[in-house]
């Protein structure tokens, strides 16, 4: 559980760091900030896209944080050794 918590913290921190880099990269690619007005920002469709993007970002970060599990050797884990 500690590894999962550490992976989650790392992925969230990395996401916060990359936030600015992603915005700079989009500006370099010529993708302009939409400059939405307050009534536009309050539209349900805009809020849905914003929430969906946030959820996808968090899930992606959490999945990336689980990548070290791919390299674990389950044969050497204490639980597996007790079963023998």
PDB file of N, CA and C in Angstrom:
ATOM      1  N   UNK A   1       0.822  -1.193   0.000  1.00  0.00           N
ATOM      2  CA  UNK A   1       0.000   0.000   0.000  1.00  0.00           C
ATOM      3  C   UNK A   1       0.870   1.262   0.000  1.00  0.00           C
ATOM      4  N   UNK A   2       2.005   1.168   0.667  1.00  0.00           N
ATOM      5  CA  UNK A   2       2.897   2.323   0.700  1.00  0.00           C
ATOM      6  C   UNK A   2       3.415   2.644  -0.697  1.00  0.00           C
ATOM      7  N   UNK A   3       3.713   1.600  -1.468  1.00  0.00           N
ATOM      8  CA  UNK A   3       4.187   1.820  -2.841  1.00  0.00           C
ATOM      9  C   UNK A   3       3.099   2.469  -3.687  1.00  0.00           C
ATOM     10  N   UNK A   4       1.858   2.052  -3.491  1.00  0.00           N
ATOM     11  CA  UNK A   4       0.744   2.637  -4.236  1.00  0.00           C
ATOM     12  C   UNK A   4       0.571   4.106  -3.869  1.00  0.00           C
ATOM     13  N   UNK A   5       0.676   4.408  -2.587  1.00  0.00           N
ATOM     14  CA  UNK A   5       0.541   5.793  -2.144  1.00  0.00           C
ATOM     15  C   UNK A   5       1.667   6.656  -2.685  1.00  0.00           C
ATOM     16  N   UNK A   6       2.878   6.115  -2.656  1.00  0.00           N
ATOM     17  CA  UNK A   6       4.024   6.852  -3.171  1.00  0.00           C
ATOM     18  C   UNK A   6       3.899   7.072  -4.679  1.00  0.00           C
ATOM     19  N   UNK A   7       3.463   6.058  -5.391  1.00  0.00           N
ATOM     20  CA  UNK A   7       3.253   6.193  -6.833  1.00  0.00           C
ATOM     21  C   UNK A   7       2.191   7.221  -7.150  1.00  0.00           C
ATOM     22  N   UNK A   8       1.131   7.231  -6.373  1.00  0.00           N
ATOM     23  CA  UNK A   8       0.055   8.201  -6.568  1.00  0.00           C
ATOM     24  C   UNK A   8       0.559   9.616  -6.301  1.00  0.00           C
ATOM     25  N   UNK A   9       1.304   9.787  -5.232  1.00  0.00           N
ATOM     26  CA  UNK A   9       1.842  11.110  -4.911  1.00  0.00           C
ATOM     27  C   UNK A   9       2.804  11.578  -5.999  1.00  0.00           C
ATOM     28  N   UNK A  10       3.647  10.669  -6.468  1.00  0.00           N
ATOM     29  CA  UNK A  10       4.597  11.014  -7.524  1.00  0.00           C
ATOM     30  C   UNK A  10       3.875  11.414  -8.809  1.00  0.00           C
ATOM     31  N   UNK A  11       2.876  10.640  -9.203  1.00  0.00           N
ATOM     32  CA  UNK A  11       2.164  10.943 -10.446  1.00  0.00           C
ATOM     33  C   UNK A  11       1.387  12.247 -10.335  1.00  0.00           C
ATOM     34  N   UNK A  12       0.805  12.529  -9.187  1.00  0.00           N
ATOM     35  CA  UNK A  12       0.093  13.794  -9.003  1.00  0.00           C
ATOM     36  C   UNK A  12       1.066  14.974  -9.042  1.00  0.00           C
ATOM     37  N   UNK A  13       2.213  14.817  -8.400  1.00  0.00           N
ATOM     38  CA  UNK A  13       3.219  15.880  -8.431  1.00  0.00           C
ATOM     39  C   UNK A  13       3.742  16.123  -9.834  1.00  0.00           C
ATOM     40  N   UNK A  14       3.995  15.045 -10.551  1.00  0.00           N
ATOM     41  CA  UNK A  14       4.463  15.174 -11.926  1.00  0.00           C
ATOM     42  C   UNK A  14       3.408  15.839 -12.803  1.00  0.00           C
ATOM     43  N   UNK A  15       2.157  15.512 -12.560  1.00  0.00           N
ATOM     44  CA  UNK A  15       1.072  16.145 -13.306  1.00  0.00           C
ATOM     45  C   UNK A  15       1.016  17.643 -13.080  1.00  0.00           C
ATOM     46  N   UNK A  16       1.256  18.062 -11.850  1.00  0.00           N
ATOM     47  CA  UNK A  16       1.252  19.492 -11.555  1.00  0.00           C
ATOM     48  C   UNK A  16       2.431  20.193 -12.225  1.00  0.00           C
ATOM     49  N   UNK A  17       3.583  19.515 -12.246  1.00  0.00           N
ATOM     50  CA  UNK A  17       4.761  20.099 -12.888  1.00  0.00           C
ATOM     51  C   UNK A  17       4.552  20.203 -14.400  1.00  0.00           C
ATOM     52  N   UNK A  18       3.998  19.158 -14.995  1.00  0.00           N
ATOM     53  CA  UNK A  18       3.825  19.127 -16.450  1.00  0.00           C
ATOM     54  C   UNK A  18       2.693  20.020 -16.939  1.00  0.00           C
ATOM     55  N   UNK A  19       1.829  20.451 -16.030  1.00  0.00           N
ATOM     56  CA  UNK A  19       0.707  21.304 -16.421  1.00  0.00           C
ATOM     57  C   UNK A  19       1.202  22.512 -17.207  1.00  0.00           C
ATOM     58  N   UNK A  20       2.181  23.205 -16.691  1.00  0.00           N
ATOM     59  CA  UNK A  20       2.718  24.382 -17.365  1.00  0.00           C
ATOM     60  C   UNK A  20       3.419  24.022 -18.662  1.00  0.00           C
ATOM     61  N   UNK A  21       4.122  22.885 -18.664  1.00  0.00           N
ATOM     62  CA  UNK A  21       4.830  22.456 -19.874  1.00  0.00           C
ATOM     63  C   UNK A  21       3.847  22.128 -20.988  1.00  0.00           C
ATOM     64  N   UNK A  22       2.728  21.537 -20.641  1.00  0.00           N
ATOM     65  CA  UNK A  22       1.710  21.200 -21.641  1.00  0.00           C
ATOM     66  C   UNK A  22       1.121  22.475 -22.232  1.00  0.00           C
ATOM     67  N   UNK A  23       0.871  23.462 -21.390  1.00  0.00           N
ATOM     68  CA  UNK A  23       0.334  24.728 -21.899  1.00  0.00           C
ATOM     69  C   UNK A  23       1.343  25.420 -22.811  1.00  0.00           C
ATOM     70  N   UNK A  24       2.620  25.413 -22.429  1.00  0.00           N
ATOM     71  CA  UNK A  24       3.649  26.022 -23.282  1.00  0.00           C
ATOM     72  C   UNK A  24       3.768  25.290 -24.613  1.00  0.00           C
ATOM     73  N   UNK A  25       3.684  23.971 -24.580  1.00  0.00           N
ATOM     74  CA  UNK A  25       3.770  23.179 -25.811  1.00  0.00           C
ATOM     75  C   UNK A  25       2.577  23.457 -26.723  1.00  0.00           C
ATOM     76  N   UNK A  26       1.395  23.594 -26.140  1.00  0.00           N
ATOM     77  CA  UNK A  26       0.220  23.882 -26.969  1.00  0.00           C
ATOM     78  C   UNK A  26       0.322  25.278 -27.587  1.00  0.00           C
ATOM     79  N   UNK A  27       0.869  26.221 -26.834  1.00  0.00           N
ATOM     80  CA  UNK A  27       1.076  27.562 -27.400  1.00  0.00           C
ATOM     81  C   UNK A  27       2.109  27.519 -28.526  1.00  0.00           C
ATOM     82  N   UNK A  28       3.168  26.720 -28.354  1.00  0.00           N
ATOM     83  CA  UNK A  28       4.201  26.599 -29.388  1.00  0.00           C
ATOM     84  C   UNK A  28       3.641  25.957 -30.652  1.00  0.00           C
ATOM     85  N   UNK A  29       2.654  25.072 -30.486  1.00  0.00           N
ATOM     86  CA  UNK A  29       2.021  24.426 -31.641  1.00  0.00           C
ATOM     87  C   UNK A  29       0.982  25.315 -32.307  1.00  0.00           C
ATOM     88  N   UNK A  30       0.741  26.476 -31.725  1.00  0.00           N
ATOM     89  CA  UNK A  30      -0.224  27.402 -32.302  1.00  0.00           C
ATOM     90  C   UNK A  30      -1.653  27.193 -31.834  1.00  0.00           C
ATOM     91  N   UNK A  31      -1.827  26.387 -30.789  1.00  0.00           N
ATOM     92  CA  UNK A  31      -3.166  26.175 -30.230  1.00  0.00           C
ATOM     93  C   UNK A  31      -3.434  27.305 -29.252  1.00  0.00           C
ATOM     94  N   UNK A  32      -4.337  28.182 -29.623  1.00  0.00           N
ATOM     95  CA  UNK A  32      -4.593  29.379 -28.819  1.00  0.00           C
ATOM     96  C   UNK A  32      -5.519  29.074 -27.642  1.00  0.00           C
ATOM     97  N   UNK A  33      -5.367  29.852 -26.586  1.00  0.00           N
ATOM     98  CA  UNK A  33      -6.276  29.783 -25.447  1.00  0.00           C
ATOM     99  C   UNK A  33      -7.646  30.248 -25.935  1.00  0.00           C
ATOM    100  N   UNK A  34      -8.717  29.527 -25.629  1.00  0.00           N
ATOM    101  CA  UNK A  34     -10.025  29.872 -26.197  1.00  0.00           C
ATOM    102  C   UNK A  34     -10.622  31.199 -25.703  1.00  0.00           C
ATOM    103  N   UNK A  35     -10.117  31.750 -24.591  1.00  0.00           N
ATOM    104  CA  UNK A  35     -10.633  33.022 -24.064  1.00  0.00           C
ATOM    105  C   UNK A  35     -12.158  32.994 -23.918  1.00  0.00           C
ATOM    106  N   UNK A  36     -12.651  32.030 -23.148  1.00  0.00           N
ATOM    107  CA  UNK A  36     -14.086  31.894 -22.943  1.00  0.00           C
ATOM    108  C   UNK A  36     -14.617  33.002 -22.043  1.00  0.00           C
ATOM    109  N   UNK A  37     -15.818  33.434 -22.324  1.00  0.00           N
ATOM    110  CA  UNK A  37     -16.483  34.411 -21.466  1.00  0.00           C
ATOM    111  C   UNK A  37     -17.074  33.681 -20.260  1.00  0.00           C
ATOM    112  N   UNK A  38     -17.486  34.413 -19.241  1.00  0.00           N
ATOM    113  CA  UNK A  38     -18.070  33.797 -18.055  1.00  0.00           C
ATOM    114  C   UNK A  38     -19.319  32.984 -18.394  1.00  0.00           C
ATOM    115  N   UNK A  39     -20.253  33.507 -19.209  1.00  0.00           N
ATOM    116  CA  UNK A  39     -21.420  32.671 -19.557  1.00  0.00           C
ATOM    117  C   UNK A  39     -21.024  31.386 -20.306  1.00  0.00           C
ATOM    118  N   UNK A  40     -19.988  31.461 -21.138  1.00  0.00           N
ATOM    119  CA  UNK A  40     -19.544  30.266 -21.847  1.00  0.00           C
ATOM    120  C   UNK A  40     -18.942  29.258 -20.876  1.00  0.00           C
ATOM    121  N   UNK A  41     -18.164  29.731 -19.904  1.00  0.00           N
ATOM    122  CA  UNK A  41     -17.550  28.833 -18.923  1.00  0.00           C
ATOM    123  C   UNK A  41     -18.602  28.145 -18.058  1.00  0.00           C
ATOM    124  N   UNK A  42     -19.773  28.765 -17.930  1.00  0.00           N
ATOM    125  CA  UNK A  42     -20.834  28.199 -17.107  1.00  0.00           C
ATOM    126  C   UNK A  42     -21.703  27.207 -17.865  1.00  0.00           C
ATOM    127  N   UNK A  43     -21.469  27.051 -19.168  1.00  0.00           N
ATOM    128  CA  UNK A  43     -22.236  26.084 -19.945  1.00  0.00           C
ATOM    129  C   UNK A  43     -21.961  24.669 -19.456  1.00  0.00           C
ATOM    130  N   UNK A  44     -22.990  23.863 -19.445  1.00  0.00           N
ATOM    131  CA  UNK A  44     -22.851  22.484 -18.980  1.00  0.00           C
ATOM    132  C   UNK A  44     -21.849  21.709 -19.839  1.00  0.00           C
ATOM    133  N   UNK A  45     -21.860  21.939 -21.135  1.00  0.00           N
ATOM    134  CA  UNK A  45     -20.937  21.214 -22.018  1.00  0.00           C
ATOM    135  C   UNK A  45     -19.486  21.570 -21.714  1.00  0.00           C
ATOM    136  N   UNK A  46     -19.213  22.829 -21.408  1.00  0.00           N
ATOM    137  CA  UNK A  46     -17.848  23.249 -21.080  1.00  0.00           C
ATOM    138  C   UNK A  46     -17.419  22.629 -19.750  1.00  0.00           C
ATOM    139  N   UNK A  47     -18.300  22.615 -18.774  1.00  0.00           N
ATOM    140  CA  UNK A  47     -17.980  22.016 -17.480  1.00  0.00           C
ATOM    141  C   UNK A  47     -17.752  20.514 -17.612  1.00  0.00           C
ATOM    142  N   UNK A  48     -18.528  19.865 -18.492  1.00  0.00           N
ATOM    143  CA  UNK A  48     -18.377  18.429 -18.713  1.00  0.00           C
ATOM    144  C   UNK A  48     -17.010  18.111 -19.335  1.00  0.00           C
ATOM    145  N   UNK A  49     -16.614  18.915 -20.314  1.00  0.00           N
ATOM    146  CA  UNK A  49     -15.312  18.702 -20.953  1.00  0.00           C
ATOM    147  C   UNK A  49     -14.183  18.952 -19.947  1.00  0.00           C
ATOM    148  N   UNK A  50     -14.319  19.981 -19.129  1.00  0.00           N
ATOM    149  CA  UNK A  50     -13.292  20.293 -18.131  1.00  0.00           C
ATOM    150  C   UNK A  50     -13.169  19.163 -17.106  1.00  0.00           C
ATOM    151  N   UNK A  51     -14.292  18.669 -16.621  1.00  0.00           N
ATOM    152  CA  UNK A  51     -14.281  17.585 -15.647  1.00  0.00           C
ATOM    153  C   UNK A  51     -13.747  16.304 -16.268  1.00  0.00           C
ATOM    154  N   UNK A  52     -14.175  16.011 -17.487  1.00  0.00           N
ATOM    155  CA  UNK A  52     -13.702  14.801 -18.173  1.00  0.00           C
ATOM    156  C   UNK A  52     -12.196  14.848 -18.380  1.00  0.00           C
ATOM    157  N   UNK A  53     -11.681  15.982 -18.780  1.00  0.00           N
ATOM    158  CA  UNK A  53     -10.241  16.132 -18.958  1.00  0.00           C
ATOM    159  C   UNK A  53      -9.478  15.924 -17.666  1.00  0.00           C
ATOM    160  N   UNK A  54     -10.021  16.462 -16.575  1.00  0.00           N
ATOM    161  CA  UNK A  54      -9.385  16.274 -15.269  1.00  0.00           C
ATOM    162  C   UNK A  54      -9.381  14.820 -14.835  1.00  0.00           C
ATOM    163  N   UNK A  55     -10.496  14.129 -15.039  1.00  0.00           N
ATOM    164  CA  UNK A  55     -10.594  12.718 -14.663  1.00  0.00           C
ATOM    165  C   UNK A  55      -9.626  11.878 -15.497  1.00  0.00           C
ATOM    166  N   UNK A  56      -9.576  12.139 -16.792  1.00  0.00           N
ATOM    167  CA  UNK A  56      -8.655  11.401 -17.660  1.00  0.00           C
ATOM    168  C   UNK A  56      -7.210  11.658 -17.243  1.00  0.00           C
ATOM    169  N   UNK A  57      -6.899  12.892 -16.891  1.00  0.00           N
ATOM    170  CA  UNK A  57      -5.545  13.218 -16.445  1.00  0.00           C
ATOM    171  C   UNK A  57      -5.167  12.501 -15.164  1.00  0.00           C
ATOM    172  N   UNK A  58      -6.058  12.488 -14.190  1.00  0.00           N
ATOM    173  CA  UNK A  58      -5.786  11.820 -12.914  1.00  0.00           C
ATOM    174  C   UNK A  58      -5.659  10.314 -13.111  1.00  0.00           C
ATOM    175  N   UNK A  59      -6.575   9.728 -13.886  1.00  0.00           N
ATOM    176  CA  UNK A  59      -6.495   8.285 -14.129  1.00  0.00           C
ATOM    177  C   UNK A  59      -5.211   7.911 -14.858  1.00  0.00           C
ATOM    178  N   UNK A  60      -4.826   8.723 -15.830  1.00  0.00           N
ATOM    179  CA  UNK A  60      -3.574   8.459 -16.556  1.00  0.00           C
ATOM    180  C   UNK A  60      -2.381   8.513 -15.606  1.00  0.00           C
ATOM    181  N   UNK A  61      -2.363   9.503 -14.741  1.00  0.00           N
ATOM    182  CA  UNK A  61      -1.280   9.627 -13.772  1.00  0.00           C
ATOM    183  C   UNK A  61      -1.232   8.458 -12.806  1.00  0.00           C
ATOM    184  N   UNK A  62      -2.395   8.026 -12.350  1.00  0.00           N
ATOM    185  CA  UNK A  62      -2.438   6.887 -11.428  1.00  0.00           C
ATOM    186  C   UNK A  62      -1.979   5.605 -12.119  1.00  0.00           C
ATOM    187  N   UNK A  63      -2.378   5.415 -13.368  1.00  0.00           N
ATOM    188  CA  UNK A  63      -1.945   4.238 -14.114  1.00  0.00           C
ATOM    189  C   UNK A  63      -0.438   4.271 -14.354  1.00  0.00           C
ATOM    190  N   UNK A  64       0.093   5.440 -14.656  1.00  0.00           N
ATOM    191  CA  UNK A  64       1.543   5.563 -14.807  1.00  0.00           C
ATOM    192  C   UNK A  64       2.252   5.272 -13.496  1.00  0.00           C
ATOM    193  N   UNK A  65       1.632   5.681 -12.400  1.00  0.00           N
ATOM    194  CA  UNK A  65       2.213   5.424 -11.084  1.00  0.00           C
ATOM    195  C   UNK A  65       2.250   3.944 -10.736  1.00  0.00           C
ATOM    196  N   UNK A  66       1.427   3.141 -11.396  1.00  0.00           N
ATOM    197  CA  UNK A  66       1.405   1.707 -11.145  1.00  0.00           C
ATOM    198  C   UNK A  66       2.412   0.944 -12.013  1.00  0.00           C
ATOM    199  N   UNK A  67       3.096   1.619 -12.912  1.00  0.00           N
ATOM    200  CA  UNK A  67       4.068   0.955 -13.796  1.00  0.00           C
ATOM    201  C   UNK A  67       5.134   0.160 -13.043  1.00  0.00           C
ATOM    202  N   UNK A  68       5.616   0.599 -11.881  1.00  0.00           N
ATOM    203  CA  UNK A  68       6.605  -0.225 -11.171  1.00  0.00           C
ATOM    204  C   UNK A  68       6.095  -1.619 -10.821  1.00  0.00           C
ATOM    205  N   UNK A  69       4.789  -1.798 -10.754  1.00  0.00           N
ATOM    206  CA  UNK A  69       4.242  -3.126 -10.463  1.00  0.00           C
ATOM    207  C   UNK A  69       4.579  -4.125 -11.570  1.00  0.00           C
ATOM    208  N   UNK A  70       4.824  -3.623 -12.767  1.00  0.00           N
ATOM    209  CA  UNK A  70       5.184  -4.500 -13.879  1.00  0.00           C
ATOM    210  C   UNK A  70       6.558  -5.137 -13.673  1.00  0.00           C
ATOM    211  N   UNK A  71       7.384  -4.516 -12.846  1.00  0.00           N
ATOM    212  CA  UNK A  71       8.742  -4.985 -12.645  1.00  0.00           C
ATOM    213  C   UNK A  71       8.939  -5.723 -11.327  1.00  0.00           C
ATOM    214  N   UNK A  72       7.858  -5.948 -10.602  1.00  0.00           N
ATOM    215  CA  UNK A  72       7.960  -6.663  -9.325  1.00  0.00           C
ATOM    216  C   UNK A  72       8.187  -8.147  -9.560  1.00  0.00           C
ATOM    217  N   UNK A  73       8.958  -8.738  -8.690  1.00  0.00           N
ATOM    218  CA  UNK A  73       9.182 -10.169  -8.730  1.00  0.00           C
ATOM    219  C   UNK A  73       8.314 -10.791  -7.645  1.00  0.00           C
ATOM    220  N   UNK A  74       7.193 -11.373  -8.018  1.00  0.00           N
ATOM    221  CA  UNK A  74       6.253 -11.899  -7.021  1.00  0.00           C
ATOM    222  C   UNK A  74       6.805 -13.123  -6.305  1.00  0.00           C
ATOM    223  N   UNK A  75       7.785 -13.807  -6.900  1.00  0.00           N
ATOM    224  CA  UNK A  75       8.351 -14.997  -6.255  1.00  0.00           C
ATOM    225  C   UNK A  75       9.157 -14.644  -5.016  1.00  0.00           C
ATOM    226  N   UNK A  76       9.669 -13.426  -4.958  1.00  0.00           N
ATOM    227  CA  UNK A  76      10.484 -13.044  -3.800  1.00  0.00           C
ATOM    228  C   UNK A  76       9.697 -12.240  -2.768  1.00  0.00           C
ATOM    229  N   UNK A  77       8.388 -12.107  -2.953  1.00  0.00           N
ATOM    230  CA  UNK A  77       7.597 -11.346  -1.993  1.00  0.00           C
ATOM    231  C   UNK A  77       7.415 -12.149  -0.707  1.00  0.00           C
ATOM    232  N   UNK A  78       7.326 -11.473   0.428  1.00  0.00           N
ATOM    233  CA  UNK A  78       7.162 -12.178   1.712  1.00  0.00           C
ATOM    234  C   UNK A  78       5.914 -13.058   1.749  1.00  0.00           C
ATOM    235  N   UNK A  79       4.857 -12.660   1.095  1.00  0.00           N
ATOM    236  CA  UNK A  79       3.614 -13.441   1.100  1.00  0.00           C
ATOM    237  C   UNK A  79       3.842 -14.767   0.383  1.00  0.00           C
ATOM    238  N   UNK A  80       4.515 -14.738  -0.752  1.00  0.00           N
ATOM    239  CA  UNK A  80       4.784 -15.956  -1.505  1.00  0.00           C
ATOM    240  C   UNK A  80       5.730 -16.892  -0.745  1.00  0.00           C
ATOM    241  N   UNK A  81       6.674 -16.321  -0.007  1.00  0.00           N
ATOM    242  CA  UNK A  81       7.634 -17.141   0.743  1.00  0.00           C
ATOM    243  C   UNK A  81       6.960 -17.854   1.913  1.00  0.00           C
ATOM    244  N   UNK A  82       5.945 -17.238   2.516  1.00  0.00           N
ATOM    245  CA  UNK A  82       5.229 -17.866   3.636  1.00  0.00           C
ATOM    246  C   UNK A  82       4.392 -19.052   3.159  1.00  0.00           C
ATOM    247  N   UNK A  83       3.932 -19.023   1.914  1.00  0.00           N
ATOM    248  CA  UNK A  83       3.098 -20.095   1.387  1.00  0.00           C
ATOM    249  C   UNK A  83       3.904 -21.373   1.156  1.00  0.00           C
ATOM    250  N   UNK A  84       5.205 -21.236   1.021  1.00  0.00           N
ATOM    251  CA  UNK A  84       6.063 -22.409   0.725  1.00  0.00           C
ATOM    252  C   UNK A  84       6.345 -23.227   1.930  1.00  0.00           C
TER     253      UNK A  84
END
